[in-house]
Amino acid sequence: MSKNVSPQSSANAAPLPPLDLGQTAFLLDFDGTLVDIAPQPDAVHVSAPLRESLAALHAASGGALAIISGRTVHDVESRLSLPGLVIAGVHGAERRYADGGFVRLSTDADALARLERELRAELTQLSTQFSGVVLESKGIAFALHYRHAPEAENAVLTLADRLAHRYADHVRLQAGKMVVELKPRGASKGDVVHTLMTEPPFMGRTVLFAGDDLTDESAFDAVNALDGWSIKVGAGPSQARWRVQDAAALRAWLATLTVPAKRGAA
């Protein structure tokens, strides 16, 4: 298959061998990986073909498909509408199980409420210098998006770093593409990978994780330690062992996995 569809190793440019869907655990990031990055978080588009591909992969893999996202569980499941899908949201701080069960990391609600008030007050002051910085509140995590104000990057990172130190008992700083986030301590995509791979239907399989951002590097590290398939979507340095050109290329490749006539060329 062409290089912009087949995942490529950054070391040897060899395509992935055929995957046994019954022996592979598929763990996938959402923004920038399954869907294209949008100007605003609410503006992402989930196409009907993507939903169909994920539903087919979910069925063909015996349910061994999970989404690991910085978005909340509710946000992801409302966009995908795929019953029985395992979703880890807010970088692993939330989890929806296949049976509908839901768990969330224990957090200090009062401390996070104070943090949000301070963020909003600081952002009001920041807006006098820079317009276009957006605060996204996830209840237990807070993201500052500066895609529409790239000139505000240093100011935003300084603000986030200061508050991360002030609330170090509760949150950690997480950088991303034109965004910086204060996420709950203990929330890590890498930890999600390790945990999922000890649970059915994922356990005993070879793990595959695809992601596009700095937030996915801990998951790549976990997958590499498990001798699985770590796939970086897009450009930029990464410890992932394989690479695809962009989200469209990954979607195209995923769609081939459940087509018998093409599976041998995947």
Protein backbone atom coordinates (compact mmCIF):
# COMPACT_ATOMS: atom_id res chain seq x y z
CA MET A 1 0.00 0.00 0.00
CA SER A 2 1.12 3.59 -0.48
CA LYS A 3 3.22 5.27 2.17
CA ASN A 4 0.52 7.79 3.04
CA VAL A 5 -1.87 4.99 4.01
CA SER A 6 0.23 2.18 5.47
CA PRO A 7 1.81 3.03 8.86
CA GLN A 8 5.52 3.51 8.30
CA SER A 9 8.44 2.95 10.66
CA SER A 10 10.47 6.13 11.05
CA ALA A 11 13.52 3.83 11.24
CA ASN A 12 13.11 1.45 8.32
CA ALA A 13 10.04 2.66 6.35
CA ALA A 14 8.66 -0.90 6.33
CA PRO A 15 4.89 -1.31 6.35
CA LEU A 16 3.14 -3.04 9.19
CA PRO A 17 2.61 -6.76 8.61
CA PRO A 18 -0.95 -8.09 8.37
CA LEU A 19 -2.79 -7.79 11.68
CA ASP A 20 -4.77 -10.60 13.29
CA LEU A 21 -7.88 -8.74 14.43
CA GLY A 22 -8.58 -11.45 16.99
CA GLN A 23 -5.16 -10.97 18.56
CA THR A 24 -4.80 -7.18 18.40
CA ALA A 25 -6.02 -4.58 20.91
CA PHE A 26 -6.81 -1.29 19.17
CA LEU A 27 -6.33 1.81 21.35
CA LEU A 28 -6.83 5.10 19.53
CA ASP A 29 -6.59 8.79 20.31
CA PHE A 30 -9.43 10.98 19.00
CA ASP A 31 -8.49 14.56 17.98
CA GLY A 32 -5.83 14.68 15.27
CA THR A 33 -5.88 10.89 15.03
CA LEU A 34 -9.39 9.73 14.15
CA VAL A 35 -10.72 13.21 13.35
CA ASP A 36 -8.97 16.24 11.89
CA ILE A 37 -8.00 19.04 14.26
CA ALA A 38 -10.68 21.75 14.20
CA PRO A 39 -10.42 25.48 14.96
CA GLN A 40 -12.54 24.89 18.08
CA PRO A 41 -13.01 21.65 20.06
CA ASP A 42 -16.76 21.64 19.36
CA ALA A 43 -16.20 21.95 15.61
CA VAL A 44 -14.68 18.51 14.96
CA HIS A 45 -16.41 16.40 12.34
CA VAL A 46 -17.08 12.67 12.73
CA SER A 47 -18.04 11.28 9.34
CA ALA A 48 -20.44 8.41 8.74
CA PRO A 49 -17.65 6.31 7.12
CA LEU A 50 -15.51 6.72 10.26
CA ARG A 51 -18.37 5.58 12.49
CA GLU A 52 -18.89 2.59 10.20
CA SER A 53 -15.18 1.70 10.23
CA LEU A 54 -15.01 1.86 14.02
CA ALA A 55 -18.19 -0.19 14.40
CA ALA A 56 -16.79 -2.85 12.05
CA LEU A 57 -13.43 -2.90 13.83
CA HIS A 58 -15.15 -3.10 17.22
CA ALA A 59 -17.12 -6.12 16.07
CA ALA A 60 -14.25 -7.84 14.22
CA SER A 61 -11.88 -7.47 17.18
CA GLY A 62 -14.37 -8.85 19.69
CA GLY A 63 -14.74 -5.47 21.37
CA ALA A 64 -10.99 -4.90 21.80
CA LEU A 65 -11.24 -1.28 20.68
CA ALA A 66 -10.89 1.71 23.00
CA ILE A 67 -10.65 5.47 22.60
CA ILE A 68 -8.15 7.25 24.85
CA SER A 69 -8.74 11.00 24.68
CA GLY A 70 -8.21 14.28 26.44
CA ARG A 71 -11.92 14.95 25.93
CA THR A 72 -14.46 13.89 28.50
CA VAL A 73 -16.03 10.46 28.16
CA HIS A 74 -19.44 12.03 27.55
CA ASP A 75 -18.05 14.20 24.75
CA VAL A 76 -16.45 11.27 22.92
CA GLU A 77 -19.38 8.88 23.28
CA SER A 78 -21.89 11.51 22.15
CA ARG A 79 -19.87 12.05 18.97
CA LEU A 80 -19.23 8.39 18.13
CA SER A 81 -22.50 6.83 19.33
CA LEU A 82 -21.00 3.34 19.43
CA PRO A 83 -22.59 1.17 22.16
CA GLY A 84 -20.20 -1.01 24.12
CA LEU A 85 -17.14 1.06 23.26
CA VAL A 86 -14.54 1.46 26.01
CA ILE A 87 -13.58 5.12 26.41
CA ALA A 88 -10.89 6.64 28.62
CA GLY A 89 -11.47 10.38 28.88
CA VAL A 90 -9.56 13.36 30.31
CA HIS A 91 -6.26 11.53 29.71
CA GLY A 92 -7.45 8.57 31.75
CA ALA A 93 -9.12 10.38 34.63
CA GLU A 94 -12.48 8.99 33.48
CA ARG A 95 -13.43 5.56 32.11
CA ARG A 96 -16.54 4.16 30.44
CA TYR A 97 -16.59 0.36 30.39
CA ALA A 98 -18.21 -1.80 27.74
CA ASP A 99 -21.05 -2.68 30.13
CA GLY A 100 -21.83 1.01 30.66
CA GLY A 101 -20.06 1.31 34.00
CA PHE A 102 -18.33 4.62 34.69
CA VAL A 103 -15.43 5.49 37.01
CA ARG A 104 -13.53 8.70 37.66
CA LEU A 105 -10.37 9.52 39.58
CA SER A 106 -11.01 10.91 43.03
CA THR A 107 -10.34 14.65 43.01
CA ASP A 108 -10.71 17.60 45.39
CA ALA A 109 -13.75 19.42 43.99
CA ASP A 110 -13.18 22.52 46.12
CA ALA A 111 -9.55 22.88 45.04
CA LEU A 112 -10.45 22.45 41.37
CA ALA A 113 -13.24 25.01 41.71
CA ARG A 114 -10.74 27.50 43.15
CA LEU A 115 -8.34 26.70 40.32
CA GLU A 116 -11.04 27.34 37.72
CA ARG A 117 -11.95 30.69 39.30
CA GLU A 118 -8.30 31.75 39.26
CA LEU A 119 -7.91 30.63 35.65
CA ARG A 120 -10.92 32.65 34.56
CA ALA A 121 -9.72 35.74 36.43
CA GLU A 122 -6.21 35.43 34.97
CA LEU A 123 -7.63 34.86 31.49
CA THR A 124 -9.71 38.02 31.77
CA GLN A 125 -6.53 39.97 32.45
CA LEU A 126 -4.68 38.15 29.68
CA SER A 127 -7.40 39.02 27.18
CA THR A 128 -6.51 42.71 27.49
CA GLN A 129 -3.24 41.84 25.71
CA PHE A 130 -4.24 38.85 23.60
CA SER A 131 -7.60 37.94 22.12
CA GLY A 132 -8.46 34.45 21.01
CA VAL A 133 -7.28 32.43 24.03
CA VAL A 134 -10.07 30.04 25.04
CA LEU A 135 -10.56 28.23 28.34
CA GLU A 136 -12.14 24.79 28.01
CA SER A 137 -13.41 23.50 31.35
CA LYS A 138 -13.86 19.74 31.68
CA GLY A 139 -14.85 19.92 35.35
CA ILE A 140 -11.78 18.05 36.54
CA ALA A 141 -9.34 19.42 33.95
CA PHE A 142 -8.83 22.78 32.25
CA ALA A 143 -7.38 23.45 28.82
CA LEU A 144 -6.14 26.79 27.51
CA HIS A 145 -6.35 26.85 23.71
CA TYR A 146 -4.32 29.50 21.89
CA ARG A 147 -4.67 28.27 18.29
CA HIS A 148 -6.26 31.61 17.39
CA ALA A 149 -3.66 33.60 19.31
CA PRO A 150 -0.25 31.96 18.71
CA GLU A 151 1.47 35.16 19.84
CA ALA A 152 0.08 34.45 23.34
CA GLU A 153 1.95 31.15 23.69
CA ASN A 154 4.57 32.33 26.19
CA ALA A 155 2.03 34.15 28.33
CA VAL A 156 -0.34 31.17 28.35
CA LEU A 157 2.40 28.69 29.21
CA THR A 158 3.69 30.96 31.98
CA LEU A 159 0.18 31.27 33.45
CA ALA A 160 -0.46 27.53 33.28
CA ASP A 161 2.93 26.71 34.79
CA ARG A 162 2.37 29.12 37.68
CA LEU A 163 -1.03 27.63 38.52
CA ALA A 164 0.26 24.08 38.07
CA HIS A 165 2.85 24.77 40.76
CA ARG A 166 0.30 26.44 43.01
CA TYR A 167 -2.05 23.46 42.74
CA ALA A 168 0.65 20.81 42.44
CA ASP A 169 -1.16 18.51 44.88
CA HIS A 170 -4.10 18.31 42.50
CA VAL A 171 -3.03 18.81 38.87
CA ARG A 172 -0.18 18.33 36.44
CA LEU A 173 0.76 20.37 33.40
CA GLN A 174 0.21 18.78 29.99
CA ALA A 175 1.35 20.52 26.82
CA GLY A 176 -0.25 19.82 23.43
CA LYS A 177 -0.70 21.29 19.97
CA MET A 178 -1.55 24.96 20.56
CA VAL A 179 -3.00 24.02 23.94
CA VAL A 180 -1.81 23.56 27.49
CA GLU A 181 -3.84 21.66 30.03
CA LEU A 182 -4.05 21.30 33.78
CA LYS A 183 -5.13 17.69 34.25
CA PRO A 184 -5.70 15.67 37.44
CA ARG A 185 -2.66 14.10 39.04
CA GLY A 186 -2.63 10.41 38.25
CA ALA A 187 -4.20 10.83 34.82
CA SER A 188 -1.92 9.36 32.15
CA LYS A 189 -2.60 7.76 28.81
CA GLY A 190 0.34 5.46 29.45
CA ASP A 191 -1.28 4.20 32.63
CA VAL A 192 -4.52 3.61 30.70
CA VAL A 193 -2.66 1.43 28.21
CA HIS A 194 -1.09 -0.69 30.94
CA THR A 195 -4.41 -1.03 32.78
CA LEU A 196 -6.48 -1.94 29.74
CA MET A 197 -4.01 -4.61 28.71
CA THR A 198 -4.67 -6.44 31.99
CA GLU A 199 -8.43 -6.52 31.37
CA PRO A 200 -10.64 -8.47 28.96
CA PRO A 201 -11.06 -8.31 26.02
CA PHE A 202 -7.67 -6.57 25.65
CA MET A 203 -5.47 -8.84 27.74
CA GLY A 204 -3.33 -11.39 25.93
CA ARG A 205 -3.36 -9.42 22.69
CA THR A 206 -0.75 -7.31 20.92
CA VAL A 207 -1.49 -3.67 21.66
CA LEU A 208 -1.72 -1.02 18.93
CA PHE A 209 -1.98 2.66 19.83
CA ALA A 210 -2.19 5.60 17.42
CA GLY A 211 -1.90 9.23 18.49
CA ASP A 212 -0.72 12.58 17.20
CA ASP A 213 0.31 14.80 20.09
CA LEU A 214 2.60 15.24 23.08
CA THR A 215 -0.25 13.94 25.22
CA ASP A 216 0.18 10.57 23.49
CA GLU A 217 3.88 10.08 24.19
CA SER A 218 3.28 8.30 27.51
CA ALA A 219 1.02 5.86 25.66
CA PHE A 220 3.69 5.28 23.01
CA ASP A 221 6.18 4.55 25.79
CA ALA A 222 3.78 2.02 27.34
CA VAL A 223 3.09 0.35 23.99
CA ASN A 224 6.80 0.10 23.19
CA ALA A 225 7.43 -1.50 26.58
CA LEU A 226 4.75 -4.07 25.71
CA ASP A 227 6.35 -4.66 22.28
CA GLY A 228 3.24 -3.42 20.50
CA TRP A 229 2.50 -1.12 17.56
CA SER A 230 3.02 2.58 18.39
CA ILE A 231 1.86 4.80 15.53
CA LYS A 232 2.49 8.53 15.32
CA VAL A 233 -0.01 10.46 13.20
CA GLY A 234 1.57 13.43 11.46
CA ALA A 235 4.96 15.13 11.64
CA GLY A 236 7.16 15.88 14.61
CA PRO A 237 9.56 14.01 16.88
CA SER A 238 8.12 11.00 18.66
CA GLN A 239 9.14 7.77 20.32
CA ALA A 240 6.49 5.97 18.28
CA ARG A 241 8.01 3.30 16.05
CA TRP A 242 5.63 3.79 13.11
CA ARG A 243 4.13 6.79 11.37
CA VAL A 244 1.26 7.84 9.10
CA GLN A 245 0.99 11.11 7.24
CA ASP A 246 -2.20 12.44 8.83
CA ALA A 247 -5.58 11.52 10.29
CA ALA A 248 -7.05 10.91 6.84
CA ALA A 249 -4.34 8.33 6.16
CA LEU A 250 -5.05 6.55 9.44
CA ARG A 251 -8.79 6.51 8.74
CA ALA A 252 -8.14 5.03 5.30
CA TRP A 253 -5.90 2.32 6.77
CA LEU A 254 -8.35 1.43 9.54
CA ALA A 255 -11.10 1.06 6.95
CA THR A 256 -9.10 -1.63 5.14
CA LEU A 257 -8.68 -3.82 8.23
CA THR A 258 -12.19 -5.19 8.13
CA VAL A 259 -12.34 -5.67 4.35
CA PRO A 260 -11.30 -9.31 3.73
CA ALA A 261 -10.15 -8.73 0.16
CA LYS A 262 -7.71 -6.06 1.29
CA ARG A 263 -6.71 -7.34 4.71
CA GLY A 264 -3.72 -9.26 3.44
CA ALA A 265 -2.24 -6.03 2.05
CA ALA A 266 -2.78 -3.98 5.22
